[in-house]
C-alpha cells in the first residue's frame, strides 16, 4: 500500500521514490538529493509528506559550511 493518496491533479497512482529536488529558501537555491517523495506515474506531479518538508526547511536554514556546489548558467528570455 502506498503512503500517498491518488494524484489530486489527474487521479493517477502515486509511488514513493527518492529523487533530487530543487529547493528554494529565502531566495537561495539548494539542490537536495535523496528526498523521499511521492511521484504520480501518470503526470509526474511530486508530493511530499509534512515531516519531509520540515526536514528540508531545517536543512536549508541551518549553517552549511562545506557543501558541494555546482555552477548554474543563468539565461534571459528577452
C-alpha atoms as a PDB file:
ATOM      1  CA  UNK A   1       0.000   0.000   0.000  1.00  0.00           C
ATOM      2  CA  UNK A   2       1.281   3.461  -0.922  1.00  0.00           C
ATOM      3  CA  UNK A   3       1.639   6.091   1.816  1.00  0.00           C
ATOM      4  CA  UNK A   4       0.170   8.600  -0.683  1.00  0.00           C
ATOM      5  CA  UNK A   5      -3.337   9.089  -1.990  1.00  0.00           C
ATOM      6  CA  UNK A   6      -4.001   9.213  -5.725  1.00  0.00           C
ATOM      7  CA  UNK A   7      -2.816  12.323  -7.571  1.00  0.00           C
ATOM      8  CA  UNK A   8      -5.008  15.347  -6.903  1.00  0.00           C
ATOM      9  CA  UNK A   9      -4.388  16.614 -10.456  1.00  0.00           C
ATOM     10  CA  UNK A  10      -5.014  13.597 -12.687  1.00  0.00           C
ATOM     11  CA  UNK A  11      -6.116  10.791 -10.368  1.00  0.00           C
ATOM     12  CA  UNK A  12      -3.080   8.661 -11.187  1.00  0.00           C
ATOM     13  CA  UNK A  13      -1.278   6.343  -8.783  1.00  0.00           C
ATOM     14  CA  UNK A  14       1.432   7.985  -6.675  1.00  0.00           C
ATOM     15  CA  UNK A  15       4.514   5.866  -5.936  1.00  0.00           C
ATOM     16  CA  UNK A  16       7.144   6.713  -3.357  1.00  0.00           C
ATOM     17  CA  UNK A  17      10.668   7.308  -4.676  1.00  0.00           C
ATOM     18  CA  UNK A  18      13.837   9.109  -3.671  1.00  0.00           C
ATOM     19  CA  UNK A  19      14.712  11.931  -6.043  1.00  0.00           C
ATOM     20  CA  UNK A  20      16.776  15.090  -6.358  1.00  0.00           C
ATOM     21  CA  UNK A  21      14.842  18.253  -5.537  1.00  0.00           C
ATOM     22  CA  UNK A  22      15.465  21.902  -6.424  1.00  0.00           C
ATOM     23  CA  UNK A  23      14.542  23.714  -3.210  1.00  0.00           C
ATOM     24  CA  UNK A  24      14.350  27.477  -2.779  1.00  0.00           C
ATOM     25  CA  UNK A  25      14.682  29.033   0.649  1.00  0.00           C
ATOM     26  CA  UNK A  26      14.808  32.809   1.204  1.00  0.00           C
ATOM     27  CA  UNK A  27      15.868  33.434  -2.386  1.00  0.00           C
ATOM     28  CA  UNK A  28      18.632  30.833  -2.358  1.00  0.00           C
ATOM     29  CA  UNK A  29      18.539  27.684  -4.473  1.00  0.00           C
ATOM     30  CA  UNK A  30      19.581  24.349  -2.975  1.00  0.00           C
ATOM     31  CA  UNK A  31      19.752  21.024  -4.774  1.00  0.00           C
ATOM     32  CA  UNK A  32      18.881  18.364  -2.229  1.00  0.00           C
ATOM     33  CA  UNK A  33      19.494  14.739  -3.116  1.00  0.00           C
ATOM     34  CA  UNK A  34      17.811  11.595  -1.835  1.00  0.00           C
ATOM     35  CA  UNK A  35      14.498  13.263  -0.934  1.00  0.00           C
ATOM     36  CA  UNK A  36      11.655  10.849  -0.196  1.00  0.00           C
ATOM     37  CA  UNK A  37       8.572  11.925  -2.162  1.00  0.00           C
ATOM     38  CA  UNK A  38       5.538  10.619  -3.961  1.00  0.00           C
ATOM     39  CA  UNK A  39       5.563  10.935  -7.749  1.00  0.00           C
ATOM     40  CA  UNK A  40       2.477  10.436  -9.912  1.00  0.00           C
ATOM     41  CA  UNK A  41       3.068   7.724 -12.509  1.00  0.00           C
ATOM     42  CA  UNK A  42       0.744   9.489 -14.994  1.00  0.00           C
ATOM     43  CA  UNK A  43       1.559  13.209 -14.848  1.00  0.00           C
ATOM     44  CA  UNK A  44       4.790  13.344 -12.810  1.00  0.00           C
ATOM     45  CA  UNK A  45       3.433  15.659 -10.106  1.00  0.00           C
ATOM     46  CA  UNK A  46       5.512  15.459  -6.915  1.00  0.00           C
ATOM     47  CA  UNK A  47       4.171  15.262  -3.368  1.00  0.00           C
ATOM     48  CA  UNK A  48       5.903  15.123  -0.026  1.00  0.00           C
ATOM     49  CA  UNK A  49       4.856  14.379   3.500  1.00  0.00           C
ATOM     50  CA  UNK A  50       4.897  17.140   6.130  1.00  0.00           C
ATOM     51  CA  UNK A  51       7.809  15.599   8.042  1.00  0.00           C
ATOM     52  CA  UNK A  52       9.958  15.622   4.903  1.00  0.00           C
ATOM     53  CA  UNK A  53       9.026  19.258   4.165  1.00  0.00           C
ATOM     54  CA  UNK A  54      10.016  20.226   7.721  1.00  0.00           C
ATOM     55  CA  UNK A  55      13.371  18.446   7.331  1.00  0.00           C
ATOM     56  CA  UNK A  56      14.029  20.283   4.050  1.00  0.00           C
ATOM     57  CA  UNK A  57      13.370  23.660   5.646  1.00  0.00           C
ATOM     58  CA  UNK A  58      15.506  22.746   8.650  1.00  0.00           C
ATOM     59  CA  UNK A  59      18.350  21.631   6.385  1.00  0.00           C
ATOM     60  CA  UNK A  60      18.212  24.782   4.227  1.00  0.00           C
ATOM     61  CA  UNK A  61      18.030  27.119   7.230  1.00  0.00           C
ATOM     62  CA  UNK A  62      20.957  25.571   9.113  1.00  0.00           C
ATOM     63  CA  UNK A  63      24.577  26.672   8.638  1.00  0.00           C
ATOM     64  CA  UNK A  64      26.146  24.780   5.751  1.00  0.00           C
ATOM     65  CA  UNK A  65      29.906  25.444   5.677  1.00  0.00           C
ATOM     66  CA  UNK A  66      31.205  22.690   3.402  1.00  0.00           C
ATOM     67  CA  UNK A  67      28.628  21.974   0.734  1.00  0.00           C
ATOM     68  CA  UNK A  68      29.283  20.568  -2.681  1.00  0.00           C
ATOM     69  CA  UNK A  69      28.318  23.214  -5.249  1.00  0.00           C
ATOM     70  CA  UNK A  70      27.705  23.374  -8.972  1.00  0.00           C
ATOM     71  CA  UNK A  71      27.740  26.287 -11.399  1.00  0.00           C
ATOM     72  CA  UNK A  72      24.350  27.016 -12.946  1.00  0.00           C
ATOM     73  CA  UNK A  73      24.063  29.079 -16.148  1.00  0.00           C
ATOM     74  CA  UNK A  74      21.618  31.996 -15.946  1.00  0.00           C
ATOM     75  CA  UNK A  75      19.808  32.995 -19.137  1.00  0.00           C
ATOM     76  CA  UNK A  76      17.280  35.647 -20.047  1.00  0.00           C
ATOM     77  CA  UNK A  77      14.404  35.268 -22.461  1.00  0.00           C
ATOM     78  CA  UNK A  78      14.256  38.890 -23.552  1.00  0.00           C
END
